[in-house]
N, C-alpha and C. Protein backbone atom coordinates (compact mmCIF):
# COMPACT_ATOMS: atom_id res chain seq x y z
N UNK A 1 0.84 -1.20 0.00
CA UNK A 1 0.00 0.00 0.00
C UNK A 1 0.88 1.26 0.00
N UNK A 2 1.95 1.25 0.81
CA UNK A 2 2.85 2.41 0.87
C UNK A 2 3.49 2.65 -0.49
N UNK A 3 3.90 1.58 -1.15
CA UNK A 3 4.52 1.70 -2.47
C UNK A 3 3.55 2.29 -3.49
N UNK A 4 2.32 1.80 -3.51
CA UNK A 4 1.31 2.31 -4.44
C UNK A 4 0.99 3.77 -4.15
N UNK A 5 0.85 4.12 -2.87
CA UNK A 5 0.55 5.51 -2.49
C UNK A 5 1.66 6.44 -2.96
N UNK A 6 2.90 6.02 -2.76
CA UNK A 6 4.02 6.84 -3.17
C UNK A 6 4.13 6.96 -4.68
N UNK A 7 3.88 5.89 -5.39
CA UNK A 7 3.99 5.92 -6.85
C UNK A 7 2.98 6.90 -7.46
N UNK A 8 1.74 6.78 -7.04
CA UNK A 8 0.69 7.64 -7.60
C UNK A 8 0.90 9.09 -7.16
N UNK A 9 1.26 9.30 -5.91
CA UNK A 9 1.48 10.65 -5.42
C UNK A 9 2.68 11.30 -6.08
N UNK A 10 3.70 10.52 -6.37
CA UNK A 10 4.86 11.07 -7.07
C UNK A 10 4.46 11.58 -8.45
N UNK A 11 3.67 10.83 -9.16
CA UNK A 11 3.17 11.28 -10.46
C UNK A 11 2.41 12.59 -10.30
N UNK A 12 1.54 12.67 -9.31
CA UNK A 12 0.75 13.87 -9.08
C UNK A 12 1.63 15.07 -8.76
N UNK A 13 2.63 14.88 -7.92
CA UNK A 13 3.49 15.99 -7.52
C UNK A 13 4.35 16.48 -8.68
N UNK A 14 4.85 15.56 -9.47
CA UNK A 14 5.62 15.97 -10.66
C UNK A 14 4.72 16.73 -11.63
N UNK A 15 3.49 16.27 -11.81
CA UNK A 15 2.55 16.96 -12.68
C UNK A 15 2.24 18.36 -12.17
N UNK A 16 2.14 18.52 -10.85
CA UNK A 16 1.91 19.86 -10.28
C UNK A 16 3.09 20.77 -10.59
N UNK A 17 4.29 20.25 -10.41
CA UNK A 17 5.47 21.04 -10.70
C UNK A 17 5.58 21.44 -12.16
N UNK A 18 5.02 20.59 -13.02
CA UNK A 18 5.03 20.88 -14.47
C UNK A 18 3.80 21.68 -14.87
N UNK A 19 2.98 22.07 -13.89
CA UNK A 19 1.81 22.93 -14.13
C UNK A 19 0.73 22.21 -14.94
N UNK A 20 0.58 20.91 -14.72
CA UNK A 20 -0.41 20.12 -15.44
C UNK A 20 -1.67 19.92 -14.61
N UNK A 21 -2.80 20.12 -15.23
CA UNK A 21 -4.09 19.95 -14.56
C UNK A 21 -4.31 18.51 -14.11
N UNK A 22 -3.61 17.56 -14.68
CA UNK A 22 -3.76 16.15 -14.30
C UNK A 22 -3.22 15.86 -12.90
N UNK A 23 -2.56 16.84 -12.31
CA UNK A 23 -2.11 16.68 -10.92
C UNK A 23 -3.27 16.38 -9.99
N UNK A 24 -4.45 16.92 -10.30
CA UNK A 24 -5.57 16.84 -9.36
C UNK A 24 -6.18 15.45 -9.26
N UNK A 25 -6.52 14.82 -10.37
CA UNK A 25 -7.15 13.50 -10.26
C UNK A 25 -6.16 12.44 -9.79
N UNK A 26 -4.89 12.57 -10.19
CA UNK A 26 -3.91 11.62 -9.68
C UNK A 26 -3.68 11.84 -8.19
N UNK A 27 -3.77 13.09 -7.78
CA UNK A 27 -3.63 13.40 -6.35
C UNK A 27 -4.74 12.80 -5.51
N UNK A 28 -5.95 12.79 -6.02
CA UNK A 28 -7.07 12.19 -5.29
C UNK A 28 -6.81 10.71 -5.01
N UNK A 29 -6.34 10.01 -6.02
CA UNK A 29 -6.06 8.58 -5.85
C UNK A 29 -4.92 8.37 -4.84
N UNK A 30 -3.83 9.13 -5.01
CA UNK A 30 -2.68 9.00 -4.10
C UNK A 30 -3.05 9.31 -2.66
N UNK A 31 -3.86 10.33 -2.46
CA UNK A 31 -4.25 10.71 -1.09
C UNK A 31 -5.13 9.65 -0.43
N UNK A 32 -5.99 9.04 -1.19
CA UNK A 32 -6.82 7.97 -0.63
C UNK A 32 -5.94 6.81 -0.16
N UNK A 33 -4.94 6.47 -0.95
CA UNK A 33 -4.02 5.41 -0.55
C UNK A 33 -3.20 5.81 0.68
N UNK A 34 -2.71 7.04 0.70
CA UNK A 34 -1.92 7.50 1.84
C UNK A 34 -2.75 7.57 3.12
N UNK A 35 -4.02 7.88 3.03
CA UNK A 35 -4.87 7.93 4.23
C UNK A 35 -4.83 6.58 4.95
N UNK A 36 -4.89 5.51 4.20
CA UNK A 36 -4.84 4.17 4.78
C UNK A 36 -3.47 3.88 5.38
N UNK A 37 -2.40 4.28 4.69
CA UNK A 37 -1.04 4.06 5.19
C UNK A 37 -0.83 4.80 6.51
N UNK A 38 -1.22 6.07 6.56
CA UNK A 38 -0.99 6.88 7.76
C UNK A 38 -1.87 6.44 8.93
N UNK A 39 -3.07 5.95 8.65
CA UNK A 39 -3.92 5.44 9.73
C UNK A 39 -3.25 4.25 10.39
N UNK A 40 -2.66 3.38 9.60
CA UNK A 40 -1.96 2.22 10.12
C UNK A 40 -0.74 2.62 10.95
N UNK A 41 -0.09 3.74 10.59
CA UNK A 41 1.11 4.21 11.31
C UNK A 41 0.77 5.11 12.49
N UNK A 42 -0.51 5.32 12.77
CA UNK A 42 -0.99 6.18 13.85
C UNK A 42 -0.53 7.62 13.69
N UNK A 43 -0.49 8.08 12.47
CA UNK A 43 -0.20 9.49 12.16
C UNK A 43 -1.54 10.14 11.79
N UNK A 44 -2.34 10.39 12.81
CA UNK A 44 -3.73 10.79 12.61
C UNK A 44 -3.88 12.15 11.94
N UNK A 45 -2.99 13.08 12.25
CA UNK A 45 -3.06 14.38 11.58
C UNK A 45 -2.85 14.20 10.09
N UNK A 46 -2.00 13.27 9.72
CA UNK A 46 -1.77 13.03 8.30
C UNK A 46 -2.95 12.34 7.63
N UNK A 47 -3.72 11.55 8.36
CA UNK A 47 -4.94 10.97 7.81
C UNK A 47 -5.93 12.09 7.49
N UNK A 48 -6.12 12.99 8.46
CA UNK A 48 -7.03 14.12 8.25
C UNK A 48 -6.54 14.96 7.07
N UNK A 49 -5.25 15.15 6.98
CA UNK A 49 -4.68 15.93 5.89
C UNK A 49 -4.99 15.28 4.54
N UNK A 50 -4.89 13.98 4.44
CA UNK A 50 -5.18 13.30 3.17
C UNK A 50 -6.64 13.48 2.78
N UNK A 51 -7.54 13.44 3.75
CA UNK A 51 -8.95 13.66 3.47
C UNK A 51 -9.18 15.09 2.98
N UNK A 52 -8.48 16.05 3.61
CA UNK A 52 -8.53 17.44 3.16
C UNK A 52 -8.04 17.55 1.72
N UNK A 53 -6.92 16.88 1.42
CA UNK A 53 -6.36 16.92 0.06
C UNK A 53 -7.33 16.36 -0.97
N UNK A 54 -8.05 15.32 -0.62
CA UNK A 54 -9.01 14.74 -1.56
C UNK A 54 -10.07 15.79 -1.92
N UNK A 55 -10.62 16.43 -0.91
CA UNK A 55 -11.64 17.46 -1.16
C UNK A 55 -11.11 18.66 -1.92
N UNK A 56 -9.95 19.15 -1.51
CA UNK A 56 -9.40 20.33 -2.18
C UNK A 56 -8.88 20.02 -3.57
N UNK A 57 -8.53 18.77 -3.81
CA UNK A 57 -8.09 18.40 -5.16
C UNK A 57 -9.25 18.52 -6.14
N UNK A 58 -10.43 18.14 -5.71
CA UNK A 58 -11.60 18.28 -6.57
C UNK A 58 -11.86 19.75 -6.89
N UNK A 59 -11.74 20.60 -5.87
CA UNK A 59 -11.95 22.04 -6.06
C UNK A 59 -10.82 22.64 -6.90
N UNK A 60 -9.58 22.27 -6.60
CA UNK A 60 -8.43 22.78 -7.35
C UNK A 60 -8.51 22.42 -8.82
N UNK A 61 -8.92 21.21 -9.09
CA UNK A 61 -9.08 20.73 -10.47
C UNK A 61 -10.02 21.68 -11.23
N UNK A 62 -11.14 21.97 -10.62
CA UNK A 62 -12.13 22.86 -11.26
C UNK A 62 -11.57 24.27 -11.40
N UNK A 63 -10.92 24.77 -10.35
CA UNK A 63 -10.38 26.13 -10.39
C UNK A 63 -9.32 26.29 -11.48
N UNK A 64 -8.45 25.31 -11.62
CA UNK A 64 -7.41 25.42 -12.64
C UNK A 64 -8.01 25.42 -14.04
N UNK A 65 -9.11 24.71 -14.21
CA UNK A 65 -9.73 24.64 -15.53
C UNK A 65 -10.60 25.86 -15.84
N UNK A 66 -11.35 26.33 -14.86
CA UNK A 66 -12.30 27.41 -15.12
C UNK A 66 -11.91 28.73 -14.47
N UNK A 67 -11.07 28.70 -13.44
CA UNK A 67 -10.56 29.91 -12.82
C UNK A 67 -11.59 30.97 -12.53
N UNK A 68 -11.19 32.18 -12.80
CA UNK A 68 -12.08 33.32 -12.58
C UNK A 68 -12.74 33.69 -13.90
N UNK A 69 -14.03 33.86 -13.85
CA UNK A 69 -14.80 34.28 -15.03
C UNK A 69 -14.60 33.33 -16.21
N UNK A 70 -14.46 32.03 -15.92
CA UNK A 70 -14.36 31.03 -16.97
C UNK A 70 -13.01 30.92 -17.64
N UNK A 71 -12.04 31.68 -17.20
CA UNK A 71 -10.69 31.64 -17.77
C UNK A 71 -9.78 30.84 -16.85
N UNK A 72 -8.92 29.98 -17.41
CA UNK A 72 -7.99 29.22 -16.55
C UNK A 72 -7.11 30.16 -15.74
N UNK A 73 -6.80 29.75 -14.51
CA UNK A 73 -5.93 30.55 -13.65
C UNK A 73 -4.51 30.54 -14.18
N UNK A 74 -3.85 31.67 -14.05
CA UNK A 74 -2.44 31.76 -14.40
C UNK A 74 -1.60 31.75 -13.12
N UNK A 75 -0.35 31.35 -13.22
CA UNK A 75 0.57 31.39 -12.09
C UNK A 75 0.77 32.85 -11.71
N UNK A 76 0.69 33.15 -10.40
CA UNK A 76 0.87 34.52 -9.93
C UNK A 76 1.40 34.50 -8.50
N UNK A 77 1.70 35.67 -7.98
CA UNK A 77 2.18 35.83 -6.60
C UNK A 77 1.02 36.16 -5.66
N UNK A 78 1.15 35.71 -4.43
CA UNK A 78 0.21 36.11 -3.39
C UNK A 78 0.69 37.41 -2.77
N UNK A 79 -0.22 38.17 -2.22
CA UNK A 79 0.17 39.40 -1.52
C UNK A 79 0.93 39.05 -0.24
N UNK A 80 1.84 39.92 0.16
CA UNK A 80 2.65 39.69 1.36
C UNK A 80 1.79 39.50 2.60
N UNK A 81 0.72 40.27 2.71
CA UNK A 81 -0.17 40.14 3.85
C UNK A 81 -0.82 38.77 3.92
N UNK A 82 -1.15 38.22 2.77
CA UNK A 82 -1.74 36.88 2.70
C UNK A 82 -0.72 35.86 3.19
N UNK A 83 0.51 35.98 2.74
CA UNK A 83 1.55 35.04 3.16
C UNK A 83 1.80 35.15 4.66
N UNK A 84 1.88 36.38 5.18
CA UNK A 84 2.08 36.56 6.63
C UNK A 84 0.93 35.93 7.41
N UNK A 85 -0.28 36.12 6.94
CA UNK A 85 -1.44 35.51 7.59
C UNK A 85 -1.39 33.99 7.54
N UNK A 86 -0.91 33.45 6.42
CA UNK A 86 -0.77 32.00 6.28
C UNK A 86 0.24 31.45 7.28
N UNK A 87 1.33 32.14 7.49
CA UNK A 87 2.36 31.69 8.43
C UNK A 87 1.80 31.70 9.85
N UNK A 88 1.15 32.79 10.24
CA UNK A 88 0.58 32.88 11.59
C UNK A 88 -0.49 31.81 11.80
N UNK A 89 -1.37 31.65 10.83
CA UNK A 89 -2.42 30.63 10.95
C UNK A 89 -1.83 29.23 11.02
N UNK A 90 -0.79 28.97 10.22
CA UNK A 90 -0.14 27.66 10.24
C UNK A 90 0.48 27.33 11.58
N UNK A 91 1.17 28.31 12.17
CA UNK A 91 1.79 28.10 13.48
C UNK A 91 0.73 27.88 14.55
N UNK A 92 -0.30 28.71 14.56
CA UNK A 92 -1.36 28.59 15.57
C UNK A 92 -2.09 27.25 15.44
N UNK A 93 -2.38 26.84 14.22
CA UNK A 93 -3.07 25.58 14.00
C UNK A 93 -2.21 24.39 14.42
N UNK A 94 -0.93 24.44 14.08
CA UNK A 94 -0.02 23.35 14.46
C UNK A 94 0.05 23.22 15.98
N UNK A 95 0.14 24.34 16.67
CA UNK A 95 0.21 24.31 18.14
C UNK A 95 -1.08 23.77 18.75
N UNK A 96 -2.21 24.24 18.27
CA UNK A 96 -3.50 23.81 18.82
C UNK A 96 -3.78 22.34 18.51
N UNK A 97 -3.58 21.94 17.27
CA UNK A 97 -3.87 20.56 16.89
C UNK A 97 -2.87 19.60 17.53
N UNK A 98 -1.61 20.02 17.62
CA UNK A 98 -0.60 19.20 18.29
C UNK A 98 -0.95 18.97 19.75
N UNK A 99 -1.41 20.02 20.42
CA UNK A 99 -1.82 19.90 21.82
C UNK A 99 -2.99 18.93 21.96
N UNK A 100 -3.96 19.06 21.07
CA UNK A 100 -5.11 18.16 21.12
C UNK A 100 -4.68 16.70 20.91
N UNK A 101 -3.84 16.46 19.91
CA UNK A 101 -3.38 15.09 19.66
C UNK A 101 -2.58 14.55 20.84
N UNK A 102 -1.73 15.39 21.44
CA UNK A 102 -0.92 14.95 22.57
C UNK A 102 -1.79 14.56 23.76
N UNK A 103 -2.86 15.28 23.97
CA UNK A 103 -3.72 15.03 25.14
C UNK A 103 -4.75 13.94 24.92
N UNK A 104 -5.23 13.79 23.69
CA UNK A 104 -6.38 12.92 23.47
C UNK A 104 -6.10 11.63 22.70
N UNK A 105 -4.90 11.48 22.15
CA UNK A 105 -4.62 10.28 21.34
C UNK A 105 -3.27 9.69 21.70
N UNK A 106 -2.97 8.58 21.07
CA UNK A 106 -1.65 7.95 21.22
C UNK A 106 -0.75 8.33 20.05
N UNK A 107 -0.98 9.51 19.48
CA UNK A 107 -0.25 9.95 18.29
C UNK A 107 1.25 9.99 18.56
N UNK A 108 2.01 9.60 17.56
CA UNK A 108 3.46 9.70 17.60
C UNK A 108 3.83 11.08 17.09
N UNK A 109 4.69 11.81 17.81
CA UNK A 109 5.17 13.14 17.40
C UNK A 109 4.03 14.07 17.01
N UNK A 110 3.11 14.34 17.94
CA UNK A 110 1.92 15.11 17.58
C UNK A 110 2.21 16.52 17.05
N UNK A 111 3.25 17.17 17.53
CA UNK A 111 3.52 18.53 17.07
C UNK A 111 4.18 18.55 15.69
N UNK A 112 5.08 17.64 15.43
CA UNK A 112 5.68 17.55 14.08
C UNK A 112 4.60 17.13 13.08
N UNK A 113 3.78 16.17 13.45
CA UNK A 113 2.70 15.71 12.59
C UNK A 113 1.73 16.85 12.31
N UNK A 114 1.42 17.64 13.33
CA UNK A 114 0.50 18.76 13.16
C UNK A 114 1.11 19.89 12.33
N UNK A 115 2.41 20.05 12.42
CA UNK A 115 3.09 21.05 11.58
C UNK A 115 3.00 20.66 10.12
N UNK A 116 3.22 19.38 9.83
CA UNK A 116 3.07 18.90 8.46
C UNK A 116 1.64 19.16 7.99
N UNK A 117 0.67 18.86 8.84
CA UNK A 117 -0.73 19.07 8.48
C UNK A 117 -1.02 20.54 8.22
N UNK A 118 -0.70 21.41 9.15
CA UNK A 118 -1.14 22.80 9.02
C UNK A 118 -0.48 23.51 7.85
N UNK A 119 0.81 23.29 7.65
CA UNK A 119 1.47 23.98 6.55
C UNK A 119 1.21 23.31 5.20
N UNK A 120 0.82 22.04 5.20
CA UNK A 120 0.38 21.41 3.97
C UNK A 120 -0.95 22.00 3.52
N UNK A 121 -1.81 22.32 4.48
CA UNK A 121 -3.08 22.98 4.16
C UNK A 121 -2.80 24.33 3.50
N UNK A 122 -1.89 25.09 4.10
CA UNK A 122 -1.52 26.39 3.52
C UNK A 122 -0.99 26.20 2.10
N UNK A 123 -0.06 25.28 1.94
CA UNK A 123 0.54 25.05 0.62
C UNK A 123 -0.51 24.60 -0.39
N UNK A 124 -1.43 23.75 0.03
CA UNK A 124 -2.47 23.26 -0.88
C UNK A 124 -3.39 24.39 -1.32
N UNK A 125 -3.76 25.26 -0.39
CA UNK A 125 -4.63 26.38 -0.74
C UNK A 125 -3.94 27.31 -1.74
N UNK A 126 -2.66 27.52 -1.55
CA UNK A 126 -1.90 28.35 -2.49
C UNK A 126 -1.77 27.65 -3.85
N UNK A 127 -1.62 26.32 -3.84
CA UNK A 127 -1.54 25.56 -5.08
C UNK A 127 -2.86 25.66 -5.84
N UNK A 128 -3.97 25.55 -5.12
CA UNK A 128 -5.29 25.61 -5.75
C UNK A 128 -5.51 26.93 -6.49
N UNK A 129 -4.92 27.99 -5.97
CA UNK A 129 -5.08 29.31 -6.59
C UNK A 129 -3.88 29.70 -7.44
N UNK A 130 -3.00 28.73 -7.66
CA UNK A 130 -1.83 28.87 -8.53
C UNK A 130 -0.89 29.98 -8.09
N UNK A 131 -0.62 30.06 -6.79
CA UNK A 131 0.32 31.04 -6.26
C UNK A 131 1.70 30.40 -6.19
N UNK A 132 2.69 31.09 -6.67
CA UNK A 132 4.05 30.56 -6.74
C UNK A 132 4.61 30.21 -5.36
N UNK A 133 4.16 30.91 -4.34
CA UNK A 133 4.65 30.68 -2.98
C UNK A 133 4.30 29.29 -2.46
N UNK A 134 3.38 28.60 -3.12
CA UNK A 134 3.06 27.24 -2.71
C UNK A 134 4.32 26.39 -2.59
N UNK A 135 5.27 26.60 -3.50
CA UNK A 135 6.47 25.75 -3.53
C UNK A 135 7.40 26.02 -2.36
N UNK A 136 7.41 27.22 -1.85
CA UNK A 136 8.23 27.51 -0.67
C UNK A 136 7.63 26.82 0.56
N UNK A 137 6.31 26.81 0.65
CA UNK A 137 5.65 26.10 1.76
C UNK A 137 5.84 24.60 1.63
N UNK A 138 5.74 24.05 0.41
CA UNK A 138 5.97 22.61 0.23
C UNK A 138 7.40 22.25 0.60
N UNK A 139 8.34 23.11 0.27
CA UNK A 139 9.73 22.89 0.65
C UNK A 139 9.85 22.76 2.17
N UNK A 140 9.22 23.66 2.91
CA UNK A 140 9.25 23.63 4.38
C UNK A 140 8.55 22.39 4.92
N UNK A 141 7.39 22.06 4.37
CA UNK A 141 6.65 20.87 4.82
C UNK A 141 7.50 19.61 4.64
N UNK A 142 8.11 19.49 3.47
CA UNK A 142 8.92 18.31 3.20
C UNK A 142 10.12 18.22 4.13
N UNK A 143 10.64 19.36 4.56
CA UNK A 143 11.78 19.39 5.49
C UNK A 143 11.40 18.80 6.86
N UNK A 144 10.16 18.95 7.26
CA UNK A 144 9.68 18.36 8.52
C UNK A 144 9.23 16.92 8.29
N UNK A 145 8.60 16.65 7.16
CA UNK A 145 8.02 15.33 6.89
C UNK A 145 9.07 14.23 6.76
N UNK A 146 10.21 14.54 6.16
CA UNK A 146 11.23 13.50 5.93
C UNK A 146 11.64 12.83 7.24
N UNK A 147 12.11 13.58 8.25
CA UNK A 147 12.49 12.89 9.48
C UNK A 147 11.30 12.28 10.24
N UNK A 148 10.12 12.90 10.13
CA UNK A 148 8.93 12.35 10.79
C UNK A 148 8.60 10.97 10.23
N UNK A 149 8.53 10.84 8.93
CA UNK A 149 8.17 9.56 8.33
C UNK A 149 9.26 8.51 8.55
N UNK A 150 10.51 8.93 8.48
CA UNK A 150 11.61 7.99 8.74
C UNK A 150 11.53 7.46 10.17
N UNK A 151 11.16 8.32 11.11
CA UNK A 151 11.08 7.89 12.51
C UNK A 151 9.99 6.86 12.74
N UNK A 152 9.04 6.75 11.84
CA UNK A 152 7.96 5.76 11.96
C UNK A 152 8.22 4.53 11.10
N UNK A 153 9.41 4.46 10.50
CA UNK A 153 9.74 3.30 9.68
C UNK A 153 9.18 3.37 8.28
N UNK A 154 8.64 4.51 7.90
CA UNK A 154 8.11 4.70 6.55
C UNK A 154 9.25 5.21 5.67
N UNK A 155 10.25 4.36 5.47
CA UNK A 155 11.48 4.77 4.80
C UNK A 155 11.27 5.12 3.33
N UNK A 156 10.44 4.38 2.65
CA UNK A 156 10.16 4.69 1.26
C UNK A 156 9.49 6.06 1.16
N UNK A 157 8.54 6.31 2.03
CA UNK A 157 7.85 7.60 2.03
C UNK A 157 8.83 8.72 2.36
N UNK A 158 9.69 8.50 3.34
CA UNK A 158 10.69 9.52 3.69
C UNK A 158 11.62 9.80 2.51
N UNK A 159 12.06 8.75 1.83
CA UNK A 159 12.94 8.93 0.68
C UNK A 159 12.24 9.70 -0.44
N UNK A 160 10.99 9.37 -0.67
CA UNK A 160 10.26 10.09 -1.71
C UNK A 160 10.01 11.54 -1.32
N UNK A 161 9.85 11.81 -0.03
CA UNK A 161 9.69 13.20 0.39
C UNK A 161 10.98 14.00 0.21
N UNK A 162 12.11 13.32 0.21
CA UNK A 162 13.36 13.99 -0.17
C UNK A 162 13.27 14.39 -1.64
N UNK A 163 12.76 13.50 -2.47
CA UNK A 163 12.57 13.82 -3.89
C UNK A 163 11.55 14.94 -4.06
N UNK A 164 10.50 14.95 -3.23
CA UNK A 164 9.50 16.03 -3.30
C UNK A 164 10.13 17.36 -2.88
N UNK A 165 11.07 17.30 -1.96
CA UNK A 165 11.81 18.49 -1.52
C UNK A 165 12.54 19.08 -2.72
N UNK A 166 13.23 18.23 -3.47
CA UNK A 166 13.93 18.68 -4.67
C UNK A 166 12.92 19.18 -5.71
N UNK A 167 11.81 18.46 -5.88
CA UNK A 167 10.77 18.86 -6.82
C UNK A 167 10.24 20.25 -6.48
N UNK A 168 10.07 20.55 -5.20
CA UNK A 168 9.57 21.87 -4.80
C UNK A 168 10.51 22.97 -5.27
N UNK A 169 11.79 22.75 -5.16
CA UNK A 169 12.75 23.74 -5.63
C UNK A 169 12.71 23.89 -7.14
N UNK A 170 12.68 22.77 -7.85
CA UNK A 170 12.63 22.80 -9.31
C UNK A 170 11.33 23.44 -9.79
N UNK A 171 10.22 23.06 -9.16
CA UNK A 171 8.91 23.60 -9.55
C UNK A 171 8.85 25.10 -9.30
N UNK A 172 9.41 25.55 -8.19
CA UNK A 172 9.43 26.98 -7.89
C UNK A 172 10.13 27.74 -9.02
N UNK A 173 11.25 27.24 -9.47
CA UNK A 173 11.97 27.89 -10.58
C UNK A 173 11.15 27.84 -11.86
N UNK A 174 10.54 26.69 -12.13
CA UNK A 174 9.73 26.54 -13.34
C UNK A 174 8.53 27.50 -13.31
N UNK A 175 7.84 27.56 -12.19
CA UNK A 175 6.67 28.44 -12.08
C UNK A 175 7.08 29.91 -12.17
N UNK A 176 8.25 30.25 -11.65
CA UNK A 176 8.73 31.64 -11.77
C UNK A 176 8.85 32.00 -13.25
N UNK A 177 9.39 31.09 -14.05
CA UNK A 177 9.51 31.35 -15.48
C UNK A 177 8.13 31.43 -16.14
N UNK A 178 7.23 30.53 -15.74
CA UNK A 178 5.88 30.52 -16.32
C UNK A 178 5.09 31.78 -15.97
N UNK A 179 5.36 32.32 -14.80
CA UNK A 179 4.60 33.47 -14.33
C UNK A 179 4.68 34.64 -15.31
N UNK A 180 5.74 34.69 -16.06
CA UNK A 180 5.95 35.81 -16.97
C UNK A 180 5.66 35.46 -18.43
N UNK A 181 5.00 34.32 -18.64
CA UNK A 181 4.68 33.90 -20.01
C UNK A 181 3.22 33.53 -20.12
N UNK A 182 2.78 33.30 -21.30
CA UNK A 182 1.40 32.85 -21.54
C UNK A 182 1.22 31.41 -21.08
N UNK A 183 2.30 30.68 -20.89
CA UNK A 183 2.23 29.27 -20.49
C UNK A 183 1.92 29.10 -19.01
N UNK A 184 1.65 30.19 -18.31
CA UNK A 184 1.38 30.13 -16.89
C UNK A 184 0.03 29.55 -16.54
N UNK A 185 -0.77 29.18 -17.52
CA UNK A 185 -2.05 28.50 -17.25
C UNK A 185 -1.82 27.00 -17.36
N UNK A 186 -2.75 26.23 -16.85
CA UNK A 186 -2.58 24.78 -16.78
C UNK A 186 -2.42 24.14 -18.14
N UNK A 187 -1.52 23.24 -18.18
CA UNK A 187 -1.38 22.41 -19.37
C UNK A 187 -2.26 21.19 -19.16
N UNK A 188 -3.15 20.93 -20.08
CA UNK A 188 -4.02 19.75 -19.93
C UNK A 188 -3.46 18.56 -20.67
N UNK A 189 -2.39 18.76 -21.41
CA UNK A 189 -1.83 17.64 -22.15
C UNK A 189 -0.56 17.08 -21.50
N UNK A 190 0.01 17.83 -20.55
CA UNK A 190 1.27 17.36 -19.93
C UNK A 190 0.99 16.41 -18.81
């Protein structure tokens, strides 16, 4: 199950980095598989996160195709105030959810797990609206996720999150170039 989840999710993440609309449906499948893997590993915040990803992937898919006023969304920057608000909300959510998991469950590493959850939500929301800053948040999420997953024996997942870390950097550069071209809208053929 872990191998299948990683394979499908890797395809989805690479497609996102390449600005392909197919990232969304492949992401739905990968997230469903990962929800089962993380439930078995008692990483409950990550289970909730996968369910969130499934829902937002459906919305993101539609947004990338129809965007605003029926036009596909182009890659763009978020306002600084939005990013500052995202950071504050991410920290507050990680602290609150981590505290809840620590007190009410047998969760392993509740605060690290909650940090992955809260900042993945931020990154996903930015991805849905095609903001370039999504890749900086994914870079940070992957930096926490690698040691967390390795500590639970999910070595394949940890190794792939190292690859996702590299993908976030490459995608950020690619999206920066796209932001200034007509190609900044979703590719449906890639």
